[in-house]
Amino acid sequence: MNSFRLRKKGAILIAVLVVLVGYIVYPYFNLYKAKNLDILSFDSESISLEIENDVPFTELANYLYQKNVINDTNSFNLLIDYKNYSQSVLKKSKITIQRKWSNNVLVNQLYLMRNQKIISLTVPSVRTLEDLANHISKFISVDFTQLYASFTDPAISAKYGFTTVQFPCMFIPNTYEVYANFNSNQFISFMAKEYKKFWNSERKKKALKIGLSQSEITILASIVQSEQSLKYDEHSTIAGLYLNRLNKNMKLQADPTVKFALNKPELRRLYYRHLEVDSPYNTYKYAGLPPGPICIVDPRVIDAVLNYEKHNYLFMCAQPAYSGYHNFSSTNAQHEKFKKEYTDWLKNENIH
């Protein structure tokens, strides 16, 4: 009788322990299960989602469900509660969600994205990638050294289909909406997408008709812009002149390329000794286009090249006085006349 009672008490105790252990363990089992669930509804590698307004994390599951991003709100909310994220808010922004993310990774990534700040960032038309890195690093969370190292990394430029010296072609000056916490790779990836947007089918067709690649168009535009930085109405005329010279296999003989080769953009006047610099950028010495652009090109100048003016000009010379315009010629004799007028004016102005 006593042994029966003991066995009965033991069975009750075991049952109580099982219930108690189950009570303690079951939530953790559910939590473990929830963390590893695949609750994403889309099949593509990733999606971009515009968060139109601030969304509290307590409402985020329903928001994502309505956007057809997730298919299980309960498991999502379970992790939100467990991680004490309920008081957080996902700010208005544009986010990217990867298909490979588990429920746990998704929740963690959204939490990290919650305070992403969008800023208006102007990518300027500057002379070099070093200048660009110096400017950009003042506005996003990456330092100059790291950004410039990425700009000049051959592996990175090759990844986007450029040589190192042609990589400046990928940066199209404009004002963009970007995340303030961009790192160097994210910024470069963003600019690559904007480059593809800029080079739409219409622009590609025009480049193909001219017979130059997109990079070659940009390289030519960089010379046009450097020749004429004041009067935008001359750009299409200058572009037509250089295309005429290329088509006749004439050297471009563009002064800005020599200044770039010498790394002396401040030179106001070139002498014959300057023209002897041995550099592939010296278009007095080498025929064709230089290997890369000599500045980050204003997109308006790229369009001026694509829509170049058709004429017979082969020569140009700055006009005397300070008009900012050029005299154009179809013959060398006419060009020499304009050149003498200009050099005489330089002497009178004591410009060396």
Protein backbone atom coordinates (compact mmCIF):
# COMPACT_ATOMS: atom_id res chain seq x y z
CA MET A 1 0.00 0.00 0.00
CA ASN A 2 2.78 2.40 0.94
CA SER A 3 4.73 1.57 -2.20
CA PHE A 4 1.60 2.23 -4.28
CA ARG A 5 1.19 5.64 -2.66
CA LEU A 6 4.84 6.44 -3.27
CA ARG A 7 4.56 5.44 -6.90
CA LYS A 8 1.44 7.58 -7.25
CA LYS A 9 3.15 10.58 -5.68
CA GLY A 10 6.17 10.02 -7.92
CA ALA A 11 4.00 9.92 -11.01
CA ILE A 12 2.25 13.11 -9.97
CA LEU A 13 5.58 14.79 -9.29
CA ILE A 14 6.92 13.74 -12.69
CA ALA A 15 3.76 14.99 -14.38
CA VAL A 16 4.07 18.30 -12.58
CA LEU A 17 7.72 18.55 -13.57
CA VAL A 18 6.90 17.75 -17.21
CA VAL A 19 4.22 20.44 -17.26
CA LEU A 20 6.54 22.88 -15.55
CA VAL A 21 9.43 22.16 -17.92
CA GLY A 22 7.04 22.38 -20.85
CA TYR A 23 5.76 25.69 -19.57
CA ILE A 24 9.31 27.03 -19.36
CA VAL A 25 10.72 25.45 -22.51
CA TYR A 26 7.78 25.85 -24.91
CA PRO A 27 8.11 29.64 -25.36
CA TYR A 28 11.81 29.23 -26.11
CA PHE A 29 11.02 26.48 -28.59
CA ASN A 30 8.53 28.79 -30.28
CA LEU A 31 11.07 31.58 -30.23
CA TYR A 32 13.75 29.38 -31.79
CA LYS A 33 11.29 28.24 -34.42
CA ALA A 34 10.19 31.82 -35.14
CA LYS A 35 13.76 33.04 -35.55
CA ASN A 36 14.51 30.57 -38.32
CA LEU A 37 11.25 30.80 -40.23
CA ASP A 38 11.18 32.00 -43.82
CA ILE A 39 8.27 34.44 -43.79
CA LEU A 40 9.10 36.47 -46.91
CA SER A 41 6.46 36.44 -49.65
CA PHE A 42 8.51 37.44 -52.70
CA ASP A 43 10.65 35.22 -54.95
CA SER A 44 13.16 37.71 -56.39
CA GLU A 45 16.68 38.05 -54.95
CA SER A 46 15.72 41.30 -53.24
CA ILE A 47 13.09 44.02 -53.26
CA SER A 48 13.20 47.76 -52.66
CA LEU A 49 10.44 49.10 -50.47
CA GLU A 50 9.42 52.73 -50.11
CA ILE A 51 8.37 53.50 -46.53
CA GLU A 52 6.04 56.42 -47.25
CA ASN A 53 5.54 57.44 -43.60
CA ASP A 54 7.01 56.58 -40.21
CA VAL A 55 5.80 53.11 -39.09
CA PRO A 56 5.87 52.06 -35.40
CA PHE A 57 7.32 48.58 -34.91
CA THR A 58 4.02 47.55 -33.28
CA GLU A 59 2.35 48.14 -36.68
CA LEU A 60 5.22 46.99 -38.85
CA ALA A 61 4.05 43.38 -39.26
CA ASN A 62 0.68 44.43 -40.68
CA TYR A 63 2.35 47.06 -42.85
CA LEU A 64 4.73 44.51 -44.39
CA TYR A 65 1.92 41.98 -44.77
CA GLN A 66 -0.21 44.49 -46.68
CA LYS A 67 2.78 45.25 -48.93
CA ASN A 68 3.09 41.50 -49.70
CA VAL A 69 6.53 41.38 -48.10
CA ILE A 70 5.81 38.85 -45.32
CA ASN A 71 3.20 36.10 -44.87
CA ASP A 72 3.36 35.55 -41.09
CA THR A 73 2.66 38.46 -38.76
CA ASN A 74 2.56 36.39 -35.54
CA SER A 75 6.13 35.10 -35.82
CA PHE A 76 7.35 38.57 -36.76
CA ASN A 77 5.61 40.18 -33.76
CA LEU A 78 6.92 37.45 -31.44
CA LEU A 79 10.48 38.55 -32.21
CA ILE A 80 9.60 42.23 -31.94
CA ASP A 81 8.31 41.64 -28.39
CA TYR A 82 11.19 39.36 -27.40
CA LYS A 83 13.81 41.89 -28.56
CA ASN A 84 12.00 44.82 -26.89
CA TYR A 85 11.70 46.67 -30.20
CA SER A 86 8.07 47.64 -29.64
CA GLN A 87 8.90 51.26 -28.84
CA SER A 88 10.93 51.72 -32.02
CA VAL A 89 9.80 53.40 -35.24
CA LEU A 90 10.91 52.70 -38.81
CA LYS A 91 11.44 56.15 -40.31
CA LYS A 92 10.26 57.24 -43.73
CA SER A 93 12.89 55.87 -46.10
CA LYS A 94 13.63 53.48 -48.93
CA ILE A 95 14.87 50.07 -47.82
CA THR A 96 16.14 46.92 -49.52
CA ILE A 97 15.12 43.49 -48.22
CA GLN A 98 17.09 40.39 -49.24
CA ARG A 99 15.25 37.15 -50.07
CA LYS A 100 17.80 35.07 -48.14
CA TRP A 101 16.93 36.74 -44.81
CA SER A 102 15.33 34.62 -42.10
CA ASN A 103 12.68 36.14 -39.84
CA ASN A 104 15.34 36.93 -37.23
CA VAL A 105 17.66 38.62 -39.73
CA LEU A 106 14.73 40.58 -41.17
CA VAL A 107 13.72 41.95 -37.78
CA ASN A 108 17.32 42.83 -36.88
CA GLN A 109 17.95 44.54 -40.22
CA LEU A 110 14.76 46.59 -39.97
CA TYR A 111 15.81 47.66 -36.49
CA LEU A 112 19.21 48.76 -37.81
CA MET A 113 17.48 50.66 -40.63
CA ARG A 114 15.03 52.43 -38.32
CA ASN A 115 16.92 55.71 -38.12
CA GLN A 116 18.35 55.92 -41.61
CA LYS A 117 18.49 59.59 -42.51
CA ILE A 118 17.94 60.63 -46.11
CA ILE A 119 19.86 63.69 -47.26
CA SER A 120 20.11 65.68 -50.47
CA LEU A 121 23.63 65.15 -51.75
CA THR A 122 25.06 67.14 -54.63
CA VAL A 123 27.65 65.30 -56.69
CA PRO A 124 29.62 68.18 -58.21
CA SER A 125 31.51 68.52 -61.46
CA VAL A 126 35.06 68.56 -60.13
CA ARG A 127 38.46 67.86 -61.62
CA THR A 128 39.49 64.54 -60.07
CA LEU A 129 38.19 61.60 -58.06
CA GLU A 130 40.29 62.91 -55.18
CA ASP A 131 38.31 66.15 -55.28
CA LEU A 132 35.07 64.17 -55.44
CA ALA A 133 36.01 61.99 -52.46
CA ASN A 134 36.93 65.08 -50.47
CA HIS A 135 33.51 66.61 -51.18
CA ILE A 136 31.36 63.52 -50.66
CA SER A 137 33.07 62.49 -47.41
CA LYS A 138 31.83 65.71 -45.81
CA PHE A 139 28.21 64.58 -46.13
CA ILE A 140 28.02 60.79 -45.70
CA SER A 141 29.44 58.58 -42.97
CA VAL A 142 32.65 57.52 -44.71
CA ASP A 143 36.01 59.20 -44.37
CA PHE A 144 38.01 60.62 -47.26
CA THR A 145 40.79 58.01 -47.12
CA GLN A 146 38.43 55.05 -47.35
CA LEU A 147 36.29 56.61 -50.08
CA TYR A 148 39.25 57.64 -52.23
CA ALA A 149 40.81 54.18 -51.80
CA SER A 150 37.58 52.67 -53.15
CA PHE A 151 37.48 55.14 -56.04
CA THR A 152 40.98 54.10 -57.11
CA ASP A 153 40.70 50.35 -56.44
CA PRO A 154 41.10 48.51 -59.79
CA ALA A 155 38.90 45.64 -58.58
CA ILE A 156 36.01 48.01 -57.83
CA SER A 157 36.22 49.90 -61.13
CA ALA A 158 36.45 46.57 -63.00
CA LYS A 159 33.37 45.31 -61.16
CA TYR A 160 31.37 48.10 -62.79
CA GLY A 161 32.95 47.68 -66.22
CA PHE A 162 35.52 50.49 -66.17
CA THR A 163 39.27 50.83 -66.16
CA THR A 164 40.66 52.78 -63.21
CA VAL A 165 41.27 55.90 -65.31
CA GLN A 166 37.79 55.68 -66.86
CA PHE A 167 36.02 55.23 -63.52
CA PRO A 168 35.24 58.99 -63.23
CA CYS A 169 32.86 58.46 -66.19
CA MET A 170 30.46 56.65 -63.86
CA PHE A 171 29.81 59.65 -61.63
CA ILE A 172 27.07 61.85 -63.09
CA PRO A 173 26.86 65.24 -61.34
CA ASN A 174 23.41 65.95 -59.94
CA THR A 175 21.59 66.27 -56.63
CA TYR A 176 20.49 62.91 -55.25
CA GLU A 177 18.50 61.63 -52.27
CA VAL A 178 20.86 59.27 -50.40
CA TYR A 179 21.30 57.75 -46.97
CA ALA A 180 23.61 59.70 -44.69
CA ASN A 181 25.05 56.43 -43.35
CA PHE A 182 26.19 55.17 -46.77
CA ASN A 183 29.56 53.46 -46.73
CA SER A 184 31.89 53.69 -49.73
CA ASN A 185 30.59 50.54 -51.43
CA GLN A 186 26.98 51.61 -51.00
CA PHE A 187 27.68 55.05 -52.43
CA ILE A 188 29.50 53.62 -55.46
CA SER A 189 26.71 51.10 -56.04
CA PHE A 190 24.16 53.92 -55.88
CA MET A 191 26.09 55.98 -58.43
CA ALA A 192 26.36 52.95 -60.73
CA LYS A 193 22.56 52.70 -60.76
CA GLU A 194 22.24 56.42 -61.49
CA TYR A 195 24.76 56.06 -64.32
CA LYS A 196 22.61 53.34 -65.89
CA LYS A 197 19.53 55.53 -65.54
CA PHE A 198 21.30 58.43 -67.24
CA TRP A 199 22.44 56.31 -70.15
CA ASN A 200 18.96 55.52 -71.41
CA SER A 201 18.22 53.98 -74.80
CA GLU A 202 18.00 57.37 -76.52
CA ARG A 203 21.46 58.45 -75.38
CA LYS A 204 22.92 55.03 -76.22
CA LYS A 205 21.52 55.28 -79.76
CA LYS A 206 23.09 58.72 -80.24
CA ALA A 207 26.47 57.47 -79.00
CA LEU A 208 26.24 54.48 -81.34
CA LYS A 209 25.44 56.78 -84.27
CA ILE A 210 28.48 58.93 -83.47
CA GLY A 211 30.62 55.81 -83.28
CA LEU A 212 31.90 56.23 -79.73
CA SER A 213 31.31 54.24 -76.56
CA GLN A 214 29.62 55.78 -73.53
CA SER A 215 32.99 56.26 -71.84
CA GLU A 216 34.48 57.81 -74.99
CA ILE A 217 31.56 60.24 -75.21
CA THR A 218 32.21 61.22 -71.58
CA ILE A 219 35.96 61.58 -72.18
CA LEU A 220 35.29 63.89 -75.13
CA ALA A 221 32.74 65.81 -73.05
CA SER A 222 35.35 66.31 -70.32
CA ILE A 223 37.63 68.01 -72.87
CA VAL A 224 34.77 70.14 -74.19
CA GLN A 225 33.84 71.21 -70.67
CA SER A 226 37.44 72.02 -69.78
CA GLU A 227 37.84 74.07 -72.96
CA GLN A 228 34.72 76.08 -72.23
CA SER A 229 33.69 76.37 -68.60
CA LEU A 230 31.74 79.62 -68.97
CA LYS A 231 29.61 79.61 -72.11
CA TYR A 232 27.46 76.50 -72.33
CA ASP A 233 26.05 77.58 -75.69
CA GLU A 234 29.45 76.81 -77.27
CA HIS A 235 29.66 73.20 -76.12
CA SER A 236 27.88 71.60 -79.07
CA THR A 237 30.05 73.64 -81.49
CA ILE A 238 33.27 72.58 -79.77
CA ALA A 239 32.05 68.97 -79.69
CA GLY A 240 31.45 69.10 -83.44
CA LEU A 241 34.94 70.48 -83.98
CA TYR A 242 36.63 67.67 -82.05
CA LEU A 243 34.52 65.04 -83.79
CA ASN A 244 35.60 66.52 -87.14
CA ARG A 245 39.23 66.18 -86.10
CA LEU A 246 38.73 62.60 -84.88
CA ASN A 247 37.04 61.66 -88.15
CA LYS A 248 39.98 63.12 -90.10
CA ASN A 249 42.52 61.34 -87.85
CA MET A 250 43.85 64.72 -86.73
CA LYS A 251 45.29 65.13 -83.24
CA LEU A 252 42.83 66.91 -80.98
CA GLN A 253 45.49 69.38 -79.76
CA ALA A 254 43.33 70.35 -76.78
CA ASP A 255 45.10 72.59 -74.27
CA PRO A 256 43.19 71.25 -71.21
CA THR A 257 44.60 67.76 -71.81
CA VAL A 258 48.13 69.14 -71.53
CA LYS A 259 47.28 70.94 -68.30
CA PHE A 260 45.85 67.67 -66.98
CA ALA A 261 48.98 65.76 -68.01
CA LEU A 262 51.14 68.35 -66.25
CA ASN A 263 48.76 68.46 -63.26
CA LYS A 264 48.78 72.23 -63.60
CA PRO A 265 45.16 73.30 -64.13
CA GLU A 266 46.06 76.84 -63.11
CA LEU A 267 48.18 77.50 -66.22
CA ARG A 268 46.72 80.42 -68.16
CA ARG A 269 48.97 80.05 -71.16
CA LEU A 270 50.75 77.10 -72.73
CA TYR A 271 54.19 77.30 -74.34
CA TYR A 272 55.88 74.84 -76.68
CA ARG A 273 57.84 73.35 -73.78
CA HIS A 274 54.55 72.33 -72.16
CA LEU A 275 53.46 70.49 -75.28
CA GLU A 276 56.41 68.09 -75.01
CA VAL A 277 55.15 66.34 -71.87
CA ASP A 278 55.09 62.59 -72.55
CA SER A 279 51.67 61.51 -71.39
CA PRO A 280 48.80 59.63 -73.04
CA TYR A 281 46.68 62.61 -72.01
CA ASN A 282 48.75 64.98 -74.17
CA THR A 283 46.60 65.29 -77.29
CA TYR A 284 49.29 67.37 -79.00
CA LYS A 285 51.58 64.35 -78.85
CA TYR A 286 49.15 61.44 -79.20
CA ALA A 287 46.24 61.02 -81.61
CA GLY A 288 42.75 60.05 -80.55
CA LEU A 289 41.09 60.44 -77.19
CA PRO A 290 43.02 60.27 -73.91
CA PRO A 291 42.54 57.10 -71.83
CA GLY A 292 40.16 58.72 -69.35
CA PRO A 293 38.17 61.89 -68.67
CA ILE A 294 40.00 64.96 -67.40
CA CYS A 295 37.15 65.96 -65.08
CA ILE A 296 33.86 64.72 -63.63
CA VAL A 297 31.58 65.85 -66.44
CA ASP A 298 28.43 67.92 -66.18
CA PRO A 299 25.63 65.86 -67.82
CA ARG A 300 24.63 68.89 -69.89
CA VAL A 301 27.99 68.70 -71.64
CA ILE A 302 27.54 64.98 -72.32
CA ASP A 303 24.24 65.85 -73.97
CA ALA A 304 25.96 68.63 -75.93
CA VAL A 305 28.37 66.04 -77.35
CA LEU A 306 25.53 63.64 -78.16
CA ASN A 307 23.72 66.51 -79.89
CA TYR A 308 26.83 68.06 -81.44
CA GLU A 309 26.63 70.83 -84.03
CA LYS A 310 27.44 69.73 -87.57
CA HIS A 311 29.86 72.11 -89.30
CA ASN A 312 33.29 72.18 -90.98
CA TYR A 313 35.32 73.73 -88.15
CA LEU A 314 38.68 72.17 -87.32
CA PHE A 315 40.32 74.93 -85.28
CA MET A 316 39.40 77.19 -82.39
CA CYS A 317 41.08 80.03 -80.57
CA ALA A 318 39.94 82.13 -77.64
CA GLN A 319 38.65 85.53 -78.63
CA PRO A 320 40.63 88.61 -77.55
CA ALA A 321 39.23 90.52 -74.56
CA TYR A 322 37.31 88.73 -71.85
CA SER A 323 34.20 87.59 -73.71
CA GLY A 324 34.74 83.93 -72.85
CA TYR A 325 33.94 82.90 -76.42
CA HIS A 326 36.06 81.40 -79.21
CA ASN A 327 36.73 82.09 -82.87
CA PHE A 328 36.23 78.99 -85.01
CA SER A 329 37.95 78.23 -88.32
CA SER A 330 37.77 75.67 -91.10
CA THR A 331 41.28 76.44 -92.41
CA ASN A 332 44.65 76.72 -90.74
CA ALA A 333 45.26 80.09 -92.43
CA GLN A 334 42.17 81.58 -90.79
CA HIS A 335 43.11 79.98 -87.49
CA GLU A 336 46.61 81.49 -87.57
CA LYS A 337 45.06 84.91 -88.08
CA PHE A 338 42.80 84.49 -85.04
CA LYS A 339 45.71 83.04 -83.06
CA LYS A 340 47.89 86.09 -83.76
CA GLU A 341 45.11 88.44 -82.67
CA TYR A 342 44.78 86.52 -79.43
CA THR A 343 48.51 86.28 -78.64
CA ASP A 344 48.93 90.00 -79.35
CA TRP A 345 46.13 90.69 -76.91
CA LEU A 346 47.76 88.45 -74.27
CA LYS A 347 50.99 90.43 -74.60
CA ASN A 348 49.14 93.72 -74.24
CA GLU A 349 47.39 92.37 -71.14
CA ASN A 350 50.72 91.12 -69.78
CA ILE A 351 49.33 87.59 -69.43
CA HIS A 352 52.06 84.96 -69.37
